[in-house]
Amino acid sequence: MSLAEHNIAYRRPDLYDALTRDSTAAATCQRLIDDYGAVPAGSVLDLGCGTARDLAALADSHDCVGVDLQPALIDHARHQHPELDLRVGDLRTIRLDRTFDTILCLGNSLAYLHHNDDIRAAFATFAAHAHRGTLLILVTQIAPTLIATPTRGRVEAAGIQAEVITEHSWDARTQIATLRRTWQLDDGTPEIDLIRRRVLFPRELELHATLTGFRPAALFTDPRNHTGPLTGSTAHFVARYNPAAP
């Protein structure tokens, strides 16, 4: 999977950091650990950690390991956060030969796996790094973004000034939601992002989790309301590892 080829933010880790500088993901994860954690959350594995901004925020109180498929993001993260244990790896296949109290897979990392076999492999990775009571926290797309007309905006960050046009499309047969983002930089240079994400509907998430020993605990699109209706396209899914006794 060459994600950087289709997303300028992955080719420019400094831009990635600038665009996510207001992220509240770490604070949300800490609240979920506090609310749902069945064991003291001393260790955290972040699969798809990107530039490790969120992981660094958690590292003050947790033993953290981060993994990402993209070497450029990990190189940037190691420079920014030399105290962290960061690895290049594929969430479908990586095995670290240890377990963690909390496993994170945020930022739609799971949605970049488009095929059922790959999704099953990712959940097998989650289970391989879990012990009884491990908390799994996913942030992934559970519905397509259905916006009929393009939206326009402006980005001024990390030395880039550009007008950006965003378009969405949806293939119900493959459950792939495509985001096409056209950047018209002020210097006249065009950039095009083509971001394809697999939508996993709520019952699919529950099934994949249950089949690998995780028991669903929460699914919500509003971090302030864990039991309300699902009103957005991206959700938090929380589950606890509790495999059946052999």
Protein backbone atom coordinates (compact mmCIF):
# COMPACT_ATOMS: atom_id res chain seq x y z
CA MET A 1 0.00 0.00 0.00
CA SER A 2 1.63 3.25 -1.15
CA LEU A 3 -0.44 5.71 0.84
CA ALA A 4 2.04 8.56 0.42
CA GLU A 5 1.61 8.42 -3.35
CA HIS A 6 -2.00 9.51 -2.95
CA ASN A 7 -1.87 11.92 0.00
CA ILE A 8 0.30 15.03 0.21
CA ALA A 9 0.15 14.99 4.01
CA TYR A 10 1.88 11.61 4.04
CA ARG A 11 4.59 12.91 1.72
CA ARG A 12 4.98 16.00 3.91
CA PRO A 13 5.01 14.90 7.57
CA ASP A 14 5.39 18.53 8.67
CA LEU A 15 2.11 19.30 6.89
CA TYR A 16 0.53 16.22 8.51
CA ASP A 17 1.50 17.59 11.93
CA ALA A 18 0.23 21.06 11.10
CA LEU A 19 -3.13 19.78 9.89
CA THR A 20 -3.62 17.68 13.04
CA ARG A 21 -2.23 20.17 15.57
CA ASP A 22 -5.65 20.59 17.20
CA SER A 23 -6.22 16.85 17.56
CA THR A 24 -8.01 15.77 20.73
CA ALA A 25 -7.42 12.08 20.05
CA ALA A 26 -4.99 11.54 22.92
CA ALA A 27 -7.31 13.14 25.46
CA THR A 28 -10.25 11.10 24.16
CA CYS A 29 -8.22 7.89 24.35
CA GLN A 30 -7.17 8.65 27.91
CA ARG A 31 -10.80 9.15 28.91
CA LEU A 32 -11.73 5.85 27.26
CA ILE A 33 -8.90 4.07 29.05
CA ASP A 34 -10.13 5.52 32.33
CA ASP A 35 -13.78 4.69 31.60
CA TYR A 36 -13.44 1.22 30.05
CA GLY A 37 -10.03 -0.11 31.04
CA ALA A 38 -10.32 -3.39 32.91
CA VAL A 39 -6.64 -3.42 33.89
CA PRO A 40 -4.24 -0.60 34.79
CA ALA A 41 -3.23 0.90 31.46
CA GLY A 42 0.51 0.79 31.82
CA SER A 43 1.32 -0.05 28.19
CA VAL A 44 -0.06 1.24 24.88
CA LEU A 45 0.45 -0.02 21.33
CA ASP A 46 -0.55 2.43 18.59
CA LEU A 47 -0.93 0.71 15.21
CA GLY A 48 -0.93 3.40 12.53
CA CYS A 49 0.68 6.01 14.77
CA GLY A 50 1.55 8.46 11.98
CA THR A 51 3.89 11.14 13.31
CA ALA A 52 3.20 9.92 16.88
CA ARG A 53 1.78 13.23 18.11
CA ASP A 54 -1.03 11.47 20.00
CA LEU A 55 1.24 8.71 21.28
CA ALA A 56 3.69 11.27 22.66
CA ALA A 57 0.87 12.88 24.63
CA LEU A 58 0.04 9.50 26.19
CA ALA A 59 3.68 8.64 26.89
CA ASP A 60 3.78 10.81 30.01
CA SER A 61 1.76 8.17 31.84
CA HIS A 62 2.09 5.04 29.69
CA ASP A 63 4.77 2.76 28.27
CA CYS A 64 4.16 3.39 24.56
CA VAL A 65 5.11 1.67 21.30
CA GLY A 66 4.11 3.07 17.91
CA VAL A 67 3.98 1.33 14.53
CA ASP A 68 3.30 2.81 11.11
CA LEU A 69 3.59 1.49 7.57
CA GLN A 70 5.16 4.65 6.20
CA PRO A 71 8.89 5.14 6.81
CA ALA A 72 8.74 8.91 6.20
CA LEU A 73 6.23 9.39 9.00
CA ILE A 74 8.24 7.22 11.40
CA ASP A 75 11.48 9.04 10.52
CA HIS A 76 9.78 12.36 11.25
CA ALA A 77 8.28 11.00 14.47
CA ARG A 78 11.65 9.70 15.68
CA HIS A 79 13.15 13.13 15.13
CA GLN A 80 10.30 14.87 16.95
CA HIS A 81 9.93 12.30 19.74
CA PRO A 82 13.26 10.49 20.24
CA GLU A 83 12.08 9.12 23.58
CA LEU A 84 9.43 6.92 21.95
CA ASP A 85 9.78 3.33 20.74
CA LEU A 86 8.69 3.64 17.10
CA ARG A 87 8.74 0.93 14.43
CA VAL A 88 8.00 0.65 10.71
CA GLY A 89 5.53 -2.18 10.23
CA ASP A 90 2.32 -3.42 8.65
CA LEU A 91 -0.64 -3.81 11.00
CA ARG A 92 -1.66 -6.96 9.11
CA THR A 93 1.55 -8.84 9.83
CA ILE A 94 3.61 -7.23 12.58
CA ARG A 95 4.30 -9.30 15.69
CA LEU A 96 6.15 -7.74 18.62
CA ASP A 97 6.14 -10.85 20.84
CA ARG A 98 4.51 -9.04 23.75
CA THR A 99 1.08 -7.89 24.84
CA PHE A 100 -0.25 -4.47 25.81
CA ASP A 101 -2.89 -3.11 28.16
CA THR A 102 -4.33 -0.85 25.44
CA ILE A 103 -4.20 -1.16 21.65
CA LEU A 104 -5.01 1.86 19.50
CA CYS A 105 -5.76 2.02 15.78
CA LEU A 106 -6.81 5.60 15.11
CA GLY A 107 -7.06 8.03 12.21
CA ASN A 108 -8.89 5.63 9.88
CA SER A 109 -5.80 3.41 9.67
CA LEU A 110 -8.02 0.33 9.55
CA ALA A 111 -10.03 1.83 6.68
CA TYR A 112 -7.00 1.69 4.39
CA LEU A 113 -7.41 -2.09 4.35
CA HIS A 114 -9.93 -2.69 1.57
CA HIS A 115 -10.25 -6.48 1.46
CA ASN A 116 -11.86 -8.84 3.95
CA ASP A 117 -8.74 -10.99 4.31
CA ASP A 118 -6.69 -7.90 5.22
CA ILE A 119 -9.25 -6.79 7.79
CA ARG A 120 -9.26 -10.24 9.36
CA ALA A 121 -5.45 -10.11 9.46
CA ALA A 122 -5.55 -6.76 11.26
CA PHE A 123 -7.88 -8.10 13.93
CA ALA A 124 -5.59 -11.12 14.30
CA THR A 125 -2.76 -8.65 14.97
CA PHE A 126 -4.86 -6.92 17.62
CA ALA A 127 -5.50 -10.28 19.30
CA ALA A 128 -1.84 -11.33 19.05
CA HIS A 129 -0.85 -8.32 21.16
CA ALA A 130 -3.68 -8.61 23.69
CA HIS A 131 -4.02 -10.32 27.04
CA ARG A 132 -7.23 -10.82 28.95
CA GLY A 133 -8.63 -7.37 29.73
CA THR A 134 -6.71 -5.50 27.00
CA LEU A 135 -8.68 -2.52 25.72
CA LEU A 136 -8.96 -2.02 21.95
CA ILE A 137 -9.79 1.49 20.69
CA LEU A 138 -10.44 1.99 16.98
CA VAL A 139 -11.37 5.11 15.04
CA THR A 140 -12.63 4.14 11.62
CA GLN A 141 -15.20 4.96 8.96
CA ILE A 142 -18.60 3.31 9.50
CA ALA A 143 -20.61 5.12 6.80
CA PRO A 144 -19.88 6.94 3.55
CA THR A 145 -19.65 10.72 3.44
CA LEU A 146 -22.50 11.63 1.11
CA ILE A 147 -21.91 15.19 -0.08
CA ALA A 148 -23.16 15.75 -3.62
CA THR A 149 -21.29 18.95 -4.41
CA PRO A 150 -17.57 19.73 -4.01
CA THR A 151 -16.50 21.78 -1.02
CA ARG A 152 -13.83 24.47 -1.13
CA GLY A 153 -11.41 25.67 1.50
CA ARG A 154 -8.02 27.22 2.03
CA VAL A 155 -4.98 25.75 3.74
CA GLU A 156 -2.09 27.80 5.05
CA ALA A 157 0.20 25.50 7.00
CA ALA A 158 3.79 24.22 7.02
CA GLY A 159 4.79 26.71 4.34
CA ILE A 160 1.96 25.69 2.02
CA GLN A 161 -0.70 28.11 0.81
CA ALA A 162 -3.37 26.52 -1.33
CA GLU A 163 -7.00 26.49 -2.36
CA VAL A 164 -8.40 23.01 -1.80
CA ILE A 165 -11.41 21.40 -3.47
CA THR A 166 -12.76 18.22 -1.85
CA GLU A 167 -15.08 15.72 -3.56
CA HIS A 168 -16.61 12.51 -2.20
CA SER A 169 -17.82 9.38 -4.00
CA TRP A 170 -19.11 6.01 -2.83
CA ASP A 171 -19.03 2.49 -4.29
CA ALA A 172 -21.63 0.44 -2.43
CA ARG A 173 -20.48 -2.85 -3.98
CA THR A 174 -16.94 -2.61 -2.60
CA GLN A 175 -17.85 -0.39 0.38
CA ILE A 176 -15.09 2.01 -0.66
CA ALA A 177 -15.52 5.71 0.07
CA THR A 178 -13.23 7.87 -2.06
CA LEU A 179 -12.09 11.36 -1.15
CA ARG A 180 -10.53 13.34 -3.98
CA ARG A 181 -8.77 16.48 -2.86
CA THR A 182 -7.35 18.93 -5.41
CA TRP A 183 -4.76 21.35 -4.10
CA GLN A 184 -4.07 24.46 -6.17
CA LEU A 185 -0.94 25.87 -4.58
CA ASP A 186 -0.40 29.61 -4.76
CA ASP A 187 2.79 29.02 -6.78
CA GLY A 188 0.65 27.37 -9.47
CA THR A 189 1.61 23.79 -8.62
CA PRO A 190 -1.30 21.31 -8.53
CA GLU A 191 -1.46 18.35 -6.14
CA ILE A 192 -4.16 15.69 -6.11
CA ASP A 193 -5.00 13.40 -3.21
CA LEU A 194 -6.99 10.25 -3.90
CA ILE A 195 -7.86 8.66 -0.57
CA ARG A 196 -9.82 5.40 -0.66
CA ARG A 197 -11.23 4.01 2.59
CA ARG A 198 -13.14 0.82 3.29
CA VAL A 199 -16.31 1.46 5.24
CA LEU A 200 -16.89 -1.10 7.98
CA PHE A 201 -20.48 -1.00 9.10
CA PRO A 202 -21.11 -1.33 12.85
CA ARG A 203 -22.20 -4.98 12.70
CA GLU A 204 -19.07 -5.82 10.71
CA LEU A 205 -16.86 -4.24 13.35
CA GLU A 206 -18.64 -6.17 16.07
CA LEU A 207 -18.30 -9.43 14.14
CA HIS A 208 -14.58 -9.05 13.42
CA ALA A 209 -13.95 -8.13 17.04
CA THR A 210 -15.99 -10.99 18.47
CA LEU A 211 -14.39 -13.58 16.20
CA THR A 212 -10.95 -12.65 17.55
CA GLY A 213 -11.90 -12.65 21.22
CA PHE A 214 -12.84 -9.00 21.78
CA ARG A 215 -16.12 -8.10 23.45
CA PRO A 216 -17.62 -4.81 22.17
CA ALA A 217 -18.06 -2.19 24.88
CA ALA A 218 -18.98 1.01 23.01
CA LEU A 219 -19.54 2.48 19.57
CA PHE A 220 -20.14 6.20 19.17
CA THR A 221 -19.67 9.12 16.80
CA ASP A 222 -19.96 11.79 19.50
CA PRO A 223 -17.26 11.48 22.21
CA ARG A 224 -19.61 13.29 24.60
CA ASN A 225 -22.37 10.70 24.17
CA HIS A 226 -21.37 7.03 24.03
CA THR A 227 -24.91 5.66 23.83
CA GLY A 228 -26.62 8.11 21.47
CA PRO A 229 -27.45 7.66 17.78
CA LEU A 230 -24.64 7.28 15.27
CA THR A 231 -24.78 10.57 13.38
CA GLY A 232 -21.38 10.80 11.67
CA SER A 233 -19.36 8.79 9.18
CA THR A 234 -16.44 8.09 11.54
CA ALA A 235 -16.80 6.35 14.90
CA HIS A 236 -14.90 5.25 17.96
CA PHE A 237 -15.20 1.53 18.63
CA VAL A 238 -14.15 0.20 22.02
CA ALA A 239 -13.79 -3.49 22.90
CA ARG A 240 -12.17 -5.57 25.61
CA TYR A 241 -10.20 -8.76 25.03
CA ASN A 242 -11.94 -11.62 26.78
CA PRO A 243 -11.45 -14.82 24.77
CA ALA A 244 -13.44 -17.89 25.59
CA ALA A 245 -11.71 -20.36 27.88
CA PRO A 246 -10.09 -23.24 25.97
